[in-house]
Amino acid sequence: MNETRVELHVDAELAADFETHKHLLPGSEESRRRDGDHVILTWITPNAPANAATMSPWFTRNGDRVELGGIDYYDAAGYRLT
């Protein structure tokens, strides 16, 4: 299994909600820092494209449950990889 280090930017106002659901993401948090209105997490994730620089997960609601809808990965230039 390949692991890739990517950044995940979370709006500071949504950070508490993200904390509640981050367990749904594959991989694990390596570090975090605050940059203005964002919390930037460095995330170690399996099976991401090797040239991925950032990840953008989205979540869906199924009744009372929140589920991971998917993850888009982007390279350092901002081009979508998946």
Protein backbone atom coordinates (compact mmCIF):
# COMPACT_ATOMS: atom_id res chain seq x y z
CA MET A 1 0.00 0.00 0.00
CA ASN A 2 1.32 3.43 -0.94
CA GLU A 3 0.88 6.33 1.43
CA THR A 4 0.87 9.93 0.29
CA ARG A 5 1.25 13.07 2.40
CA VAL A 6 -1.36 15.66 1.42
CA GLU A 7 -2.77 18.86 2.87
CA LEU A 8 -6.39 19.27 3.85
CA HIS A 9 -7.71 22.83 4.36
CA VAL A 10 -10.67 23.22 6.70
CA ASP A 11 -12.47 26.51 7.29
CA ALA A 12 -11.91 27.42 10.94
CA GLU A 13 -15.67 27.86 11.44
CA LEU A 14 -16.21 24.24 10.35
CA ALA A 15 -13.29 22.73 12.28
CA ALA A 16 -15.46 21.37 15.11
CA ASP A 17 -17.80 19.65 12.63
CA PHE A 18 -14.81 18.25 10.77
CA GLU A 19 -13.37 16.84 14.01
CA THR A 20 -16.59 14.90 14.53
CA HIS A 21 -16.34 13.23 11.11
CA LYS A 22 -12.62 13.00 10.31
CA HIS A 23 -12.60 9.35 11.43
CA LEU A 24 -14.41 8.60 8.15
CA LEU A 25 -11.31 9.58 6.12
CA PRO A 26 -8.75 6.94 5.18
CA GLY A 27 -5.36 7.49 6.75
CA SER A 28 -4.36 9.66 9.67
CA GLU A 29 -3.49 13.18 10.69
CA GLU A 30 0.22 13.91 10.91
CA SER A 31 0.10 17.56 11.96
CA ARG A 32 -1.99 20.73 11.86
CA ARG A 33 -1.48 24.46 11.82
CA ARG A 34 -3.66 27.55 11.64
CA ASP A 35 -3.40 29.93 8.69
CA GLY A 36 -5.82 32.84 8.90
CA ASP A 37 -9.34 31.49 8.51
CA HIS A 38 -8.23 27.91 7.86
CA VAL A 39 -6.91 24.96 9.78
CA ILE A 40 -4.42 23.13 7.56
CA LEU A 41 -3.93 19.47 8.30
CA THR A 42 -1.16 17.31 6.93
CA TRP A 43 -2.80 13.96 6.27
CA ILE A 44 -1.14 10.62 5.48
CA THR A 45 -3.54 8.80 3.19
CA PRO A 46 -3.34 5.40 1.48
CA ASN A 47 -3.98 4.98 -2.23
CA ALA A 48 -3.93 8.68 -3.16
CA PRO A 49 -2.18 9.54 -6.40
CA ALA A 50 1.56 9.84 -5.80
CA ASN A 51 1.63 13.44 -7.07
CA ALA A 52 -1.33 14.59 -4.94
CA ALA A 53 -0.69 17.73 -2.90
CA THR A 54 -4.15 18.39 -1.46
CA MET A 55 -7.28 16.42 -0.81
CA SER A 56 -10.87 17.60 -0.80
CA PRO A 57 -13.29 15.18 0.85
CA TRP A 58 -17.03 15.62 0.77
CA PHE A 59 -19.58 14.22 3.14
CA THR A 60 -23.22 13.28 2.64
CA ARG A 61 -26.08 12.80 5.05
CA ASN A 62 -28.03 9.56 4.97
CA GLY A 63 -30.86 10.00 7.46
CA ASP A 64 -29.11 10.75 10.75
CA ARG A 65 -25.75 9.40 9.55
CA VAL A 66 -22.96 11.37 7.94
CA GLU A 67 -20.98 9.37 5.37
CA LEU A 68 -17.89 10.03 3.32
CA GLY A 69 -19.19 10.80 -0.18
CA GLY A 70 -15.77 10.75 -1.80
CA ILE A 71 -12.41 12.48 -2.05
CA ASP A 72 -10.94 14.57 -4.85
CA TYR A 73 -7.16 14.92 -5.03
CA TYR A 74 -5.30 17.84 -6.60
CA ASP A 75 -1.69 18.32 -7.63
CA ALA A 76 0.49 21.26 -6.53
CA ALA A 77 -0.73 23.37 -9.49
CA GLY A 78 -4.37 22.82 -8.47
CA TYR A 79 -5.34 20.36 -11.18
CA ARG A 80 -7.81 17.68 -10.18
CA LEU A 81 -6.29 14.20 -10.29
CA THR A 82 -9.34 12.06 -9.49
